[in-house]
Structures are given as structure tokens and as C-alpha cells.
Amino acid sequence: MGSPSDEELMERFCDGAPDAFEALFARHSGRVQGFLTRMVRDGPLAEDLLQTTFLSVIRARGRYEPGTRFIPWLMTIAANAARDTLRHRQHVESYSSGEGTAGPTS
């Protein structure tokens, strides 16, 4: 018998099996980190986002629907985490450069 599919592992994790989450992390962390590194072009930030992504998987497990393909679901979580971080960085950078502050009114 082969190893369980990602979807089977996720369903087991949703049912309370922490070893299933560990298997998913071991199976996909490299792929997700590579994807995040390409998105943010910053290795240490990608490592942080990898942790954020899998923490989000833990938090969102109650919303995972059986039969949902795991990889697209996981990569959507990763992409959203990266976009949120990049958007926040851009906002902070524009604010600190003075673009986000209002000048004096007359």
C-alpha cells in the first residue's frame, strides 16, 4: 500500500491526528518555501512566511472541506500570506518616505 494522499492526510489532521500535519509539512515545506522565495525575493522573509503559512493551515483546518485538493488550497494560503506582507511593507515604506502623511492645510 502506498503512502496516503495529501487530501487523506489533511482529513486525518482535521480529525485530530498531529502526525498527519507533520507529514504534510515534511512533504511540502520545501516547495512552499521555494514558491515564497520567488514571490518575495527575500530568503529570511520567505522562511517566516513558510511558518505563517503552515500556522494558517492549522488555524484554517476547520474550514478545509473534504475532497478539496490540498496543494492549491495550501498554495493559495501561501500566496495570500506573501501578498499581505508585501502590501504591508509597501504601505510602511511609503508612509516612512512621507508619501503617507498629509501636508499642512491652508
PDB file of N, CA and C in Angstrom:
ATOM      1  N   MET A   1       0.842  -1.187   0.000  1.00  0.00           N
ATOM      2  CA  MET A   1       0.000   0.000   0.000  1.00  0.00           C
ATOM      3  C   MET A   1       0.883   1.244   0.000  1.00  0.00           C
ATOM      4  N   GLY A   2       0.537   2.233  -0.816  1.00  0.00           N
ATOM      5  CA  GLY A   2       1.316   3.457  -0.926  1.00  0.00           C
ATOM      6  C   GLY A   2       1.047   4.403   0.228  1.00  0.00           C
ATOM      7  N   SER A   3       1.760   5.499   0.201  1.00  0.00           N
ATOM      8  CA  SER A   3       1.563   6.498   1.251  1.00  0.00           C
ATOM      9  C   SER A   3       0.243   7.230   1.011  1.00  0.00           C
ATOM     10  N   PRO A   4      -0.341   7.768   2.083  1.00  0.00           N
ATOM     11  CA  PRO A   4      -1.626   8.458   1.940  1.00  0.00           C
ATOM     12  C   PRO A   4      -1.487   9.731   1.106  1.00  0.00           C
ATOM     13  N   SER A   5      -2.561  10.077   0.430  1.00  0.00           N
ATOM     14  CA  SER A   5      -2.568  11.305  -0.370  1.00  0.00           C
ATOM     15  C   SER A   5      -2.563  12.512   0.560  1.00  0.00           C
ATOM     16  N   ASP A   6      -2.266  13.656  -0.016  1.00  0.00           N
ATOM     17  CA  ASP A   6      -2.314  14.902   0.755  1.00  0.00           C
ATOM     18  C   ASP A   6      -3.705  15.125   1.335  1.00  0.00           C
ATOM     19  N   GLU A   7      -4.715  14.846   0.529  1.00  0.00           N
ATOM     20  CA  GLU A   7      -6.089  15.049   0.974  1.00  0.00           C
ATOM     21  C   GLU A   7      -6.432  14.121   2.140  1.00  0.00           C
ATOM     22  N   GLU A   8      -5.966  12.874   2.070  1.00  0.00           N
ATOM     23  CA  GLU A   8      -6.191  11.939   3.184  1.00  0.00           C
ATOM     24  C   GLU A   8      -5.471  12.418   4.440  1.00  0.00           C
ATOM     25  N   LEU A   9      -4.245  12.892   4.281  1.00  0.00           N
ATOM     26  CA  LEU A   9      -3.504  13.409   5.435  1.00  0.00           C
ATOM     27  C   LEU A   9      -4.204  14.619   6.041  1.00  0.00           C
ATOM     28  N   MET A  10      -4.687  15.517   5.198  1.00  0.00           N
ATOM     29  CA  MET A  10      -5.365  16.703   5.713  1.00  0.00           C
ATOM     30  C   MET A  10      -6.648  16.313   6.434  1.00  0.00           C
ATOM     31  N   GLU A  11      -7.385  15.366   5.897  1.00  0.00           N
ATOM     32  CA  GLU A  11      -8.602  14.911   6.570  1.00  0.00           C
ATOM     33  C   GLU A  11      -8.264  14.266   7.912  1.00  0.00           C
ATOM     34  N   ARG A  12      -7.189  13.500   7.962  1.00  0.00           N
ATOM     35  CA  ARG A  12      -6.751  12.916   9.242  1.00  0.00           C
ATOM     36  C   ARG A  12      -6.353  14.009  10.223  1.00  0.00           C
ATOM     37  N   PHE A  13      -5.649  15.036   9.733  1.00  0.00           N
ATOM     38  CA  PHE A  13      -5.265  16.151  10.602  1.00  0.00           C
ATOM     39  C   PHE A  13      -6.507  16.856  11.137  1.00  0.00           C
ATOM     40  N   CYS A  14      -7.488  17.070  10.274  1.00  0.00           N
ATOM     41  CA  CYS A  14      -8.742  17.705  10.705  1.00  0.00           C
ATOM     42  C   CYS A  14      -9.451  16.864  11.765  1.00  0.00           C
ATOM     43  N   ASP A  15      -9.239  15.559  11.717  1.00  0.00           N
ATOM     44  CA  ASP A  15      -9.838  14.656  12.702  1.00  0.00           C
ATOM     45  C   ASP A  15      -8.997  14.532  13.968  1.00  0.00           C
ATOM     46  N   GLY A  16      -7.889  15.286  14.040  1.00  0.00           N
ATOM     47  CA  GLY A  16      -7.108  15.336  15.270  1.00  0.00           C
ATOM     48  C   GLY A  16      -5.805  14.560  15.285  1.00  0.00           C
ATOM     49  N   ALA A  17      -5.289  14.168  14.133  1.00  0.00           N
ATOM     50  CA  ALA A  17      -4.034  13.414  14.077  1.00  0.00           C
ATOM     51  C   ALA A  17      -2.866  14.353  13.772  1.00  0.00           C
ATOM     52  N   PRO A  18      -2.091  14.767  14.803  1.00  0.00           N
ATOM     53  CA  PRO A  18      -0.989  15.707  14.562  1.00  0.00           C
ATOM     54  C   PRO A  18       0.103  15.141  13.654  1.00  0.00           C
ATOM     55  N   ASP A  19       0.276  13.817  13.646  1.00  0.00           N
ATOM     56  CA  ASP A  19       1.299  13.233  12.777  1.00  0.00           C
ATOM     57  C   ASP A  19       0.977  13.464  11.299  1.00  0.00           C
ATOM     58  N   ALA A  20      -0.300  13.609  10.981  1.00  0.00           N
ATOM     59  CA  ALA A  20      -0.689  13.886   9.597  1.00  0.00           C
ATOM     60  C   ALA A  20      -0.218  15.281   9.188  1.00  0.00           C
ATOM     61  N   PHE A  21      -0.313  16.245  10.105  1.00  0.00           N
ATOM     62  CA  PHE A  21       0.183  17.594   9.812  1.00  0.00           C
ATOM     63  C   PHE A  21       1.695  17.560   9.617  1.00  0.00           C
ATOM     64  N   GLU A  22       2.388  16.835  10.485  1.00  0.00           N
ATOM     65  CA  GLU A  22       3.847  16.730  10.364  1.00  0.00           C
ATOM     66  C   GLU A  22       4.233  16.150   9.008  1.00  0.00           C
ATOM     67  N   ALA A  23       3.470  15.163   8.545  1.00  0.00           N
ATOM     68  CA  ALA A  23       3.751  14.558   7.238  1.00  0.00           C
ATOM     69  C   ALA A  23       3.523  15.566   6.109  1.00  0.00           C
ATOM     70  N   LEU A  24       2.451  16.346   6.213  1.00  0.00           N
ATOM     71  CA  LEU A  24       2.187  17.373   5.198  1.00  0.00           C
ATOM     72  C   LEU A  24       3.292  18.427   5.187  1.00  0.00           C
ATOM     73  N   PHE A  25       3.728  18.844   6.370  1.00  0.00           N
ATOM     74  CA  PHE A  25       4.800  19.837   6.456  1.00  0.00           C
ATOM     75  C   PHE A  25       6.077  19.277   5.835  1.00  0.00           C
ATOM     76  N   ALA A  26       6.434  18.054   6.196  1.00  0.00           N
ATOM     77  CA  ALA A  26       7.652  17.440   5.655  1.00  0.00           C
ATOM     78  C   ALA A  26       7.564  17.293   4.136  1.00  0.00           C
ATOM     79  N   ARG A  27       6.401  16.967   3.654  1.00  0.00           N
ATOM     80  CA  ARG A  27       6.202  16.726   2.228  1.00  0.00           C
ATOM     81  C   ARG A  27       6.242  18.021   1.409  1.00  0.00           C
ATOM     82  N   HIS A  28       5.751  19.125   1.958  1.00  0.00           N
ATOM     83  CA  HIS A  28       5.536  20.320   1.136  1.00  0.00           C
ATOM     84  C   HIS A  28       6.287  21.572   1.563  1.00  0.00           C
ATOM     85  N   SER A  29       6.994  21.546   2.678  1.00  0.00           N
ATOM     86  CA  SER A  29       7.639  22.777   3.152  1.00  0.00           C
ATOM     87  C   SER A  29       8.674  23.306   2.155  1.00  0.00           C
ATOM     88  N   GLY A  30       9.434  22.438   1.526  1.00  0.00           N
ATOM     89  CA  GLY A  30      10.432  22.890   0.547  1.00  0.00           C
ATOM     90  C   GLY A  30       9.798  23.567  -0.651  1.00  0.00           C
ATOM     91  N   ARG A  31       8.747  22.967  -1.151  1.00  0.00           N
ATOM     92  CA  ARG A  31       8.036  23.528  -2.304  1.00  0.00           C
ATOM     93  C   ARG A  31       7.440  24.894  -1.963  1.00  0.00           C
ATOM     94  N   VAL A  32       6.809  24.983  -0.791  1.00  0.00           N
ATOM     95  CA  VAL A  32       6.184  26.242  -0.382  1.00  0.00           C
ATOM     96  C   VAL A  32       7.252  27.308  -0.164  1.00  0.00           C
ATOM     97  N   GLN A  33       8.360  26.935   0.474  1.00  0.00           N
ATOM     98  CA  GLN A  33       9.419  27.919   0.708  1.00  0.00           C
ATOM     99  C   GLN A  33      10.002  28.423  -0.611  1.00  0.00           C
ATOM    100  N   GLY A  34      10.204  27.549  -1.563  1.00  0.00           N
ATOM    101  CA  GLY A  34      10.697  27.976  -2.874  1.00  0.00           C
ATOM    102  C   GLY A  34       9.738  28.942  -3.551  1.00  0.00           C
ATOM    103  N   PHE A  35       8.455  28.624  -3.492  1.00  0.00           N
ATOM    104  CA  PHE A  35       7.421  29.491  -4.054  1.00  0.00           C
ATOM    105  C   PHE A  35       7.450  30.860  -3.384  1.00  0.00           C
ATOM    106  N   LEU A  36       7.522  30.869  -2.052  1.00  0.00           N
ATOM    107  CA  LEU A  36       7.533  32.133  -1.311  1.00  0.00           C
ATOM    108  C   LEU A  36       8.801  32.936  -1.584  1.00  0.00           C
ATOM    109  N   THR A  37       9.934  32.260  -1.705  1.00  0.00           N
ATOM    110  CA  THR A  37      11.193  32.948  -2.002  1.00  0.00           C
ATOM    111  C   THR A  37      11.106  33.648  -3.356  1.00  0.00           C
ATOM    112  N   ARG A  38      10.505  32.979  -4.334  1.00  0.00           N
ATOM    113  CA  ARG A  38      10.331  33.614  -5.650  1.00  0.00           C
ATOM    114  C   ARG A  38       9.378  34.806  -5.560  1.00  0.00           C
ATOM    115  N   MET A  39       8.363  34.703  -4.723  1.00  0.00           N
ATOM    116  CA  MET A  39       7.392  35.805  -4.617  1.00  0.00           C
ATOM    117  C   MET A  39       7.977  37.030  -3.931  1.00  0.00           C
ATOM    118  N   VAL A  40       8.696  36.815  -2.811  1.00  0.00           N
ATOM    119  CA  VAL A  40       9.145  37.963  -2.011  1.00  0.00           C
ATOM    120  C   VAL A  40      10.607  38.320  -2.241  1.00  0.00           C
ATOM    121  N   ARG A  41      11.353  37.435  -2.905  1.00  0.00           N
ATOM    122  CA  ARG A  41      12.773  37.658  -3.219  1.00  0.00           C
ATOM    123  C   ARG A  41      13.601  38.001  -1.985  1.00  0.00           C
ATOM    124  N   ASP A  42      13.306  37.275  -0.900  1.00  0.00           N
ATOM    125  CA  ASP A  42      13.988  37.516   0.375  1.00  0.00           C
ATOM    126  C   ASP A  42      13.925  36.207   1.159  1.00  0.00           C
ATOM    127  N   GLY A  43      15.076  35.510   1.240  1.00  0.00           N
ATOM    128  CA  GLY A  43      15.114  34.201   1.886  1.00  0.00           C
ATOM    129  C   GLY A  43      14.606  34.175   3.316  1.00  0.00           C
ATOM    130  N   PRO A  44      15.134  35.041   4.196  1.00  0.00           N
ATOM    131  CA  PRO A  44      14.653  35.031   5.583  1.00  0.00           C
ATOM    132  C   PRO A  44      13.161  35.367   5.698  1.00  0.00           C
ATOM    133  N   LEU A  45      12.678  36.280   4.886  1.00  0.00           N
ATOM    134  CA  LEU A  45      11.250  36.599   4.911  1.00  0.00           C
ATOM    135  C   LEU A  45      10.441  35.397   4.436  1.00  0.00           C
ATOM    136  N   ALA A  46      10.934  34.694   3.426  1.00  0.00           N
ATOM    137  CA  ALA A  46      10.243  33.501   2.933  1.00  0.00           C
ATOM    138  C   ALA A  46      10.160  32.435   4.025  1.00  0.00           C
ATOM    139  N   GLU A  47      11.223  32.303   4.831  1.00  0.00           N
ATOM    140  CA  GLU A  47      11.188  31.349   5.948  1.00  0.00           C
ATOM    141  C   GLU A  47      10.106  31.734   6.945  1.00  0.00           C
ATOM    142  N   ASP A  48      10.005  33.022   7.256  1.00  0.00           N
ATOM    143  CA  ASP A  48       8.949  33.491   8.163  1.00  0.00           C
ATOM    144  C   ASP A  48       7.569  33.213   7.572  1.00  0.00           C
ATOM    145  N   LEU A  49       7.421  33.472   6.286  1.00  0.00           N
ATOM    146  CA  LEU A  49       6.135  33.248   5.635  1.00  0.00           C
ATOM    147  C   LEU A  49       5.788  31.766   5.544  1.00  0.00           C
ATOM    148  N   LEU A  50       6.804  30.914   5.450  1.00  0.00           N
ATOM    149  CA  LEU A  50       6.561  29.471   5.480  1.00  0.00           C
ATOM    150  C   LEU A  50       5.900  29.090   6.801  1.00  0.00           C
ATOM    151  N   GLN A  51       6.441  29.610   7.892  1.00  0.00           N
ATOM    152  CA  GLN A  51       5.854  29.326   9.207  1.00  0.00           C
ATOM    153  C   GLN A  51       4.442  29.907   9.300  1.00  0.00           C
ATOM    154  N   THR A  52       4.269  31.113   8.803  1.00  0.00           N
ATOM    155  CA  THR A  52       2.945  31.744   8.804  1.00  0.00           C
ATOM    156  C   THR A  52       1.950  30.908   8.005  1.00  0.00           C
ATOM    157  N   THR A  53       2.392  30.405   6.865  1.00  0.00           N
ATOM    158  CA  THR A  53       1.521  29.597   6.010  1.00  0.00           C
ATOM    159  C   THR A  53       1.042  28.352   6.737  1.00  0.00           C
ATOM    160  N   PHE A  54       1.962  27.620   7.343  1.00  0.00           N
ATOM    161  CA  PHE A  54       1.554  26.378   7.998  1.00  0.00           C
ATOM    162  C   PHE A  54       0.800  26.641   9.296  1.00  0.00           C
ATOM    163  N   LEU A  55       1.065  27.755   9.947  1.00  0.00           N
ATOM    164  CA  LEU A  55       0.245  28.148  11.093  1.00  0.00           C
ATOM    165  C   LEU A  55      -1.179  28.447  10.623  1.00  0.00           C
ATOM    166  N   SER A  56      -1.300  29.072   9.471  1.00  0.00           N
ATOM    167  CA  SER A  56      -2.624  29.335   8.898  1.00  0.00           C
ATOM    168  C   SER A  56      -3.342  28.041   8.536  1.00  0.00           C
ATOM    169  N   VAL A  57      -2.603  27.041   8.074  1.00  0.00           N
ATOM    170  CA  VAL A  57      -3.202  25.733   7.794  1.00  0.00           C
ATOM    171  C   VAL A  57      -3.796  25.160   9.080  1.00  0.00           C
ATOM    172  N   ILE A  58      -3.040  25.260  10.172  1.00  0.00           N
ATOM    173  CA  ILE A  58      -3.545  24.766  11.455  1.00  0.00           C
ATOM    174  C   ILE A  58      -4.823  25.512  11.837  1.00  0.00           C
ATOM    175  N   ARG A  59      -4.778  26.820  11.745  1.00  0.00           N
ATOM    176  CA  ARG A  59      -5.934  27.633  12.144  1.00  0.00           C
ATOM    177  C   ARG A  59      -7.141  27.427  11.227  1.00  0.00           C
ATOM    178  N   ALA A  60      -6.891  27.145   9.949  1.00  0.00           N
ATOM    179  CA  ALA A  60      -7.984  27.026   8.974  1.00  0.00           C
ATOM    180  C   ALA A  60      -8.465  25.591   8.790  1.00  0.00           C
ATOM    181  N   ARG A  61      -7.925  24.658   9.533  1.00  0.00           N
ATOM    182  CA  ARG A  61      -8.286  23.259   9.305  1.00  0.00           C
ATOM    183  C   ARG A  61      -9.785  23.002   9.468  1.00  0.00           C
ATOM    184  N   GLY A  62     -10.456  23.786  10.299  1.00  0.00           N
ATOM    185  CA  GLY A  62     -11.899  23.617  10.457  1.00  0.00           C
ATOM    186  C   GLY A  62     -12.685  24.047   9.230  1.00  0.00           C
ATOM    187  N   ARG A  63     -12.056  24.823   8.362  1.00  0.00           N
ATOM    188  CA  ARG A  63     -12.720  25.278   7.133  1.00  0.00           C
ATOM    189  C   ARG A  63     -12.318  24.447   5.910  1.00  0.00           C
ATOM    190  N   TYR A  64     -11.396  23.515   6.104  1.00  0.00           N
ATOM    191  CA  TYR A  64     -10.996  22.648   4.992  1.00  0.00           C
ATOM    192  C   TYR A  64     -12.136  21.678   4.712  1.00  0.00           C
ATOM    193  N   GLU A  65     -12.542  21.626   3.464  1.00  0.00           N
ATOM    194  CA  GLU A  65     -13.637  20.737   3.094  1.00  0.00           C
ATOM    195  C   GLU A  65     -13.081  19.453   2.501  1.00  0.00           C
ATOM    196  N   PRO A  66     -13.527  18.296   3.031  1.00  0.00           N
ATOM    197  CA  PRO A  66     -13.072  17.020   2.472  1.00  0.00           C
ATOM    198  C   PRO A  66     -13.300  16.996   0.960  1.00  0.00           C
ATOM    199  N   GLY A  67     -12.320  16.483   0.261  1.00  0.00           N
ATOM    200  CA  GLY A  67     -12.396  16.425  -1.191  1.00  0.00           C
ATOM    201  C   GLY A  67     -11.724  17.604  -1.876  1.00  0.00           C
ATOM    202  N   THR A  68     -11.438  18.674  -1.117  1.00  0.00           N
ATOM    203  CA  THR A  68     -10.730  19.821  -1.679  1.00  0.00           C
ATOM    204  C   THR A  68      -9.293  19.407  -1.975  1.00  0.00           C
ATOM    205  N   ARG A  69      -8.799  19.779  -3.130  1.00  0.00           N
ATOM    206  CA  ARG A  69      -7.407  19.461  -3.464  1.00  0.00           C
ATOM    207  C   ARG A  69      -6.490  20.266  -2.554  1.00  0.00           C
ATOM    208  N   PHE A  70      -5.589  19.565  -1.879  1.00  0.00           N
ATOM    209  CA  PHE A  70      -4.770  20.184  -0.845  1.00  0.00           C
ATOM    210  C   PHE A  70      -3.756  21.180  -1.396  1.00  0.00           C
ATOM    211  N   ILE A  71      -3.030  20.822  -2.450  1.00  0.00           N
ATOM    212  CA  ILE A  71      -1.944  21.685  -2.948  1.00  0.00           C
ATOM    213  C   ILE A  71      -2.462  23.068  -3.357  1.00  0.00           C
ATOM    214  N   PRO A  72      -3.502  23.171  -4.169  1.00  0.00           N
ATOM    215  CA  PRO A  72      -3.988  24.521  -4.500  1.00  0.00           C
ATOM    216  C   PRO A  72      -4.443  25.292  -3.260  1.00  0.00           C
ATOM    217  N   TRP A  73      -5.061  24.601  -2.311  1.00  0.00           N
ATOM    218  CA  TRP A  73      -5.511  25.240  -1.067  1.00  0.00           C
ATOM    219  C   TRP A  73      -4.307  25.782  -0.299  1.00  0.00           C
ATOM    220  N   LEU A  74      -3.267  24.955  -0.158  1.00  0.00           N
ATOM    221  CA  LEU A  74      -2.050  25.349   0.551  1.00  0.00           C
ATOM    222  C   LEU A  74      -1.351  26.514  -0.147  1.00  0.00           C
ATOM    223  N   MET A  75      -1.214  26.432  -1.457  1.00  0.00           N
ATOM    224  CA  MET A  75      -0.502  27.478  -2.192  1.00  0.00           C
ATOM    225  C   MET A  75      -1.283  28.795  -2.194  1.00  0.00           C
ATOM    226  N   THR A  76      -2.598  28.723  -2.131  1.00  0.00           N
ATOM    227  CA  THR A  76      -3.400  29.942  -2.003  1.00  0.00           C
ATOM    228  C   THR A  76      -3.133  30.610  -0.667  1.00  0.00           C
ATOM    229  N   ILE A  77      -3.051  29.817   0.391  1.00  0.00           N
ATOM    230  CA  ILE A  77      -2.731  30.360   1.716  1.00  0.00           C
ATOM    231  C   ILE A  77      -1.351  31.018   1.681  1.00  0.00           C
ATOM    232  N   ALA A  78      -0.377  30.346   1.065  1.00  0.00           N
ATOM    233  CA  ALA A  78       0.984  30.893   0.978  1.00  0.00           C
ATOM    234  C   ALA A  78       1.006  32.192   0.170  1.00  0.00           C
ATOM    235  N   ALA A  79       0.337  32.199  -0.972  1.00  0.00           N
ATOM    236  CA  ALA A  79       0.312  33.401  -1.819  1.00  0.00           C
ATOM    237  C   ALA A  79      -0.354  34.564  -1.091  1.00  0.00           C
ATOM    238  N   ASN A  80      -1.438  34.289  -0.386  1.00  0.00           N
ATOM    239  CA  ASN A  80      -2.117  35.351   0.363  1.00  0.00           C
ATOM    240  C   ASN A  80      -1.225  35.905   1.467  1.00  0.00           C
ATOM    241  N   ALA A  81      -0.493  35.034   2.150  1.00  0.00           N
ATOM    242  CA  ALA A  81       0.423  35.496   3.199  1.00  0.00           C
ATOM    243  C   ALA A  81       1.503  36.394   2.603  1.00  0.00           C
ATOM    244  N   ALA A  82       2.049  35.996   1.458  1.00  0.00           N
ATOM    245  CA  ALA A  82       3.089  36.804   0.806  1.00  0.00           C
ATOM    246  C   ALA A  82       2.527  38.144   0.338  1.00  0.00           C
ATOM    247  N   ARG A  83       1.365  38.121  -0.298  1.00  0.00           N
ATOM    248  CA  ARG A  83       0.759  39.376  -0.771  1.00  0.00           C
ATOM    249  C   ARG A  83       0.469  40.321   0.385  1.00  0.00           C
ATOM    250  N   ASP A  84      -0.081  39.784   1.471  1.00  0.00           N
ATOM    251  CA  ASP A  84      -0.376  40.626   2.639  1.00  0.00           C
ATOM    252  C   ASP A  84       0.895  41.275   3.174  1.00  0.00           C
ATOM    253  N   THR A  85       1.964  40.494   3.255  1.00  0.00           N
ATOM    254  CA  THR A  85       3.229  41.012   3.768  1.00  0.00           C
ATOM    255  C   THR A  85       3.806  42.068   2.832  1.00  0.00           C
ATOM    256  N   LEU A  86       3.798  41.798   1.536  1.00  0.00           N
ATOM    257  CA  LEU A  86       4.321  42.771   0.573  1.00  0.00           C
ATOM    258  C   LEU A  86       3.493  44.052   0.586  1.00  0.00           C
ATOM    259  N   ARG A  87       2.184  43.919   0.692  1.00  0.00           N
ATOM    260  CA  ARG A  87       1.314  45.096   0.746  1.00  0.00           C
ATOM    261  C   ARG A  87       1.609  45.915   1.999  1.00  0.00           C
ATOM    262  N   HIS A  88       1.782  45.231   3.130  1.00  0.00           N
ATOM    263  CA  HIS A  88       2.096  45.916   4.384  1.00  0.00           C
ATOM    264  C   HIS A  88       3.450  46.622   4.279  1.00  0.00           C
ATOM    265  N   ARG A  89       4.436  45.940   3.719  1.00  0.00           N
ATOM    266  CA  ARG A  89       5.763  46.553   3.542  1.00  0.00           C
ATOM    267  C   ARG A  89       5.692  47.796   2.674  1.00  0.00           C
ATOM    268  N   GLN A  90       4.946  47.708   1.591  1.00  0.00           N
ATOM    269  CA  GLN A  90       4.820  48.844   0.676  1.00  0.00           C
ATOM    270  C   GLN A  90       4.152  50.014   1.392  1.00  0.00           C
ATOM    271  N   HIS A  91       3.144  49.717   2.190  1.00  0.00           N
ATOM    272  CA  HIS A  91       2.449  50.770   2.936  1.00  0.00           C
ATOM    273  C   HIS A  91       3.401  51.430   3.935  1.00  0.00           C
ATOM    274  N   VAL A  92       4.162  50.622   4.664  1.00  0.00           N
ATOM    275  CA  VAL A  92       5.104  51.150   5.653  1.00  0.00           C
ATOM    276  C   VAL A  92       6.180  51.979   4.966  1.00  0.00           C
ATOM    277  N   GLU A  93       6.714  51.479   3.842  1.00  0.00           N
ATOM    278  CA  GLU A  93       7.762  52.216   3.129  1.00  0.00           C
ATOM    279  C   GLU A  93       7.242  53.539   2.581  1.00  0.00           C
ATOM    280  N   SER A  94       6.033  53.557   2.049  1.00  0.00           N
ATOM    281  CA  SER A  94       5.515  54.816   1.514  1.00  0.00           C
ATOM    282  C   SER A  94       5.189  55.782   2.646  1.00  0.00           C
ATOM    283  N   TYR A  95       4.751  55.265   3.777  1.00  0.00           N
ATOM    284  CA  TYR A  95       4.461  56.128   4.921  1.00  0.00           C
ATOM    285  C   TYR A  95       5.752  56.726   5.474  1.00  0.00           C
ATOM    286  N   SER A  96       6.795  55.887   5.612  1.00  0.00           N
ATOM    287  CA  SER A  96       8.044  56.404   6.177  1.00  0.00           C
ATOM    288  C   SER A  96       8.781  57.332   5.220  1.00  0.00           C
ATOM    289  N   SER A  97       8.478  57.261   3.930  1.00  0.00           N
ATOM    290  CA  SER A  97       9.114  58.194   2.997  1.00  0.00           C
ATOM    291  C   SER A  97       8.335  59.505   2.892  1.00  0.00           C
ATOM    292  N   GLY A  98       7.262  59.615   3.639  1.00  0.00           N
ATOM    293  CA  GLY A  98       6.494  60.854   3.656  1.00  0.00           C
ATOM    294  C   GLY A  98       5.301  60.868   2.733  1.00  0.00           C
ATOM    295  N   GLU A  99       5.145  59.825   1.911  1.00  0.00           N
ATOM    296  CA  GLU A  99       4.018  59.794   0.988  1.00  0.00           C
ATOM    297  C   GLU A  99       2.696  59.588   1.710  1.00  0.00           C
ATOM    298  N   GLY A 100       2.751  58.981   2.886  1.00  0.00           N
ATOM    299  CA  GLY A 100       1.518  58.662   3.591  1.00  0.00           C
ATOM    300  C   GLY A 100       1.087  59.725   4.575  1.00  0.00           C
ATOM    301  N   THR A 101       1.805  60.832   4.642  1.00  0.00           N
ATOM    302  CA  THR A 101       1.432  61.882   5.591  1.00  0.00           C
ATOM    303  C   THR A 101       0.836  63.056   4.843  1.00  0.00           C
ATOM    304  N   ALA A 102      -0.113  63.652   5.457  1.00  0.00           N
ATOM    305  CA  ALA A 102      -0.749  64.819   4.843  1.00  0.00           C
ATOM    306  C   ALA A 102       0.071  66.059   5.154  1.00  0.00           C
ATOM    307  N   GLY A 103       0.175  66.917   4.191  1.00  0.00           N
ATOM    308  CA  GLY A 103       0.883  68.175   4.390  1.00  0.00           C
ATOM    309  C   GLY A 103      -0.014  69.172   5.097  1.00  0.00           C
ATOM    310  N   PRO A 104       0.515  70.333   5.420  1.00  0.00           N
ATOM    311  CA  PRO A 104      -0.305  71.351   6.095  1.00  0.00           C
ATOM    312  C   PRO A 104      -1.431  71.821   5.178  1.00  0.00           C
ATOM    313  N   THR A 105      -2.554  72.081   5.782  1.00  0.00           N
ATOM    314  CA  THR A 105      -3.688  72.587   5.008  1.00  0.00           C
ATOM    315  C   THR A 105      -3.767  74.092   5.144  1.00  0.00           C
ATOM    316  N   SER A 106      -4.265  74.749   4.131  1.00  0.00           N
ATOM    317  CA  SER A 106      -4.350  76.204   4.200  1.00  0.00           C
ATOM    318  C   SER A 106      -5.752  76.643   4.487  1.00  0.00           C
TER     319      SER A 106
END
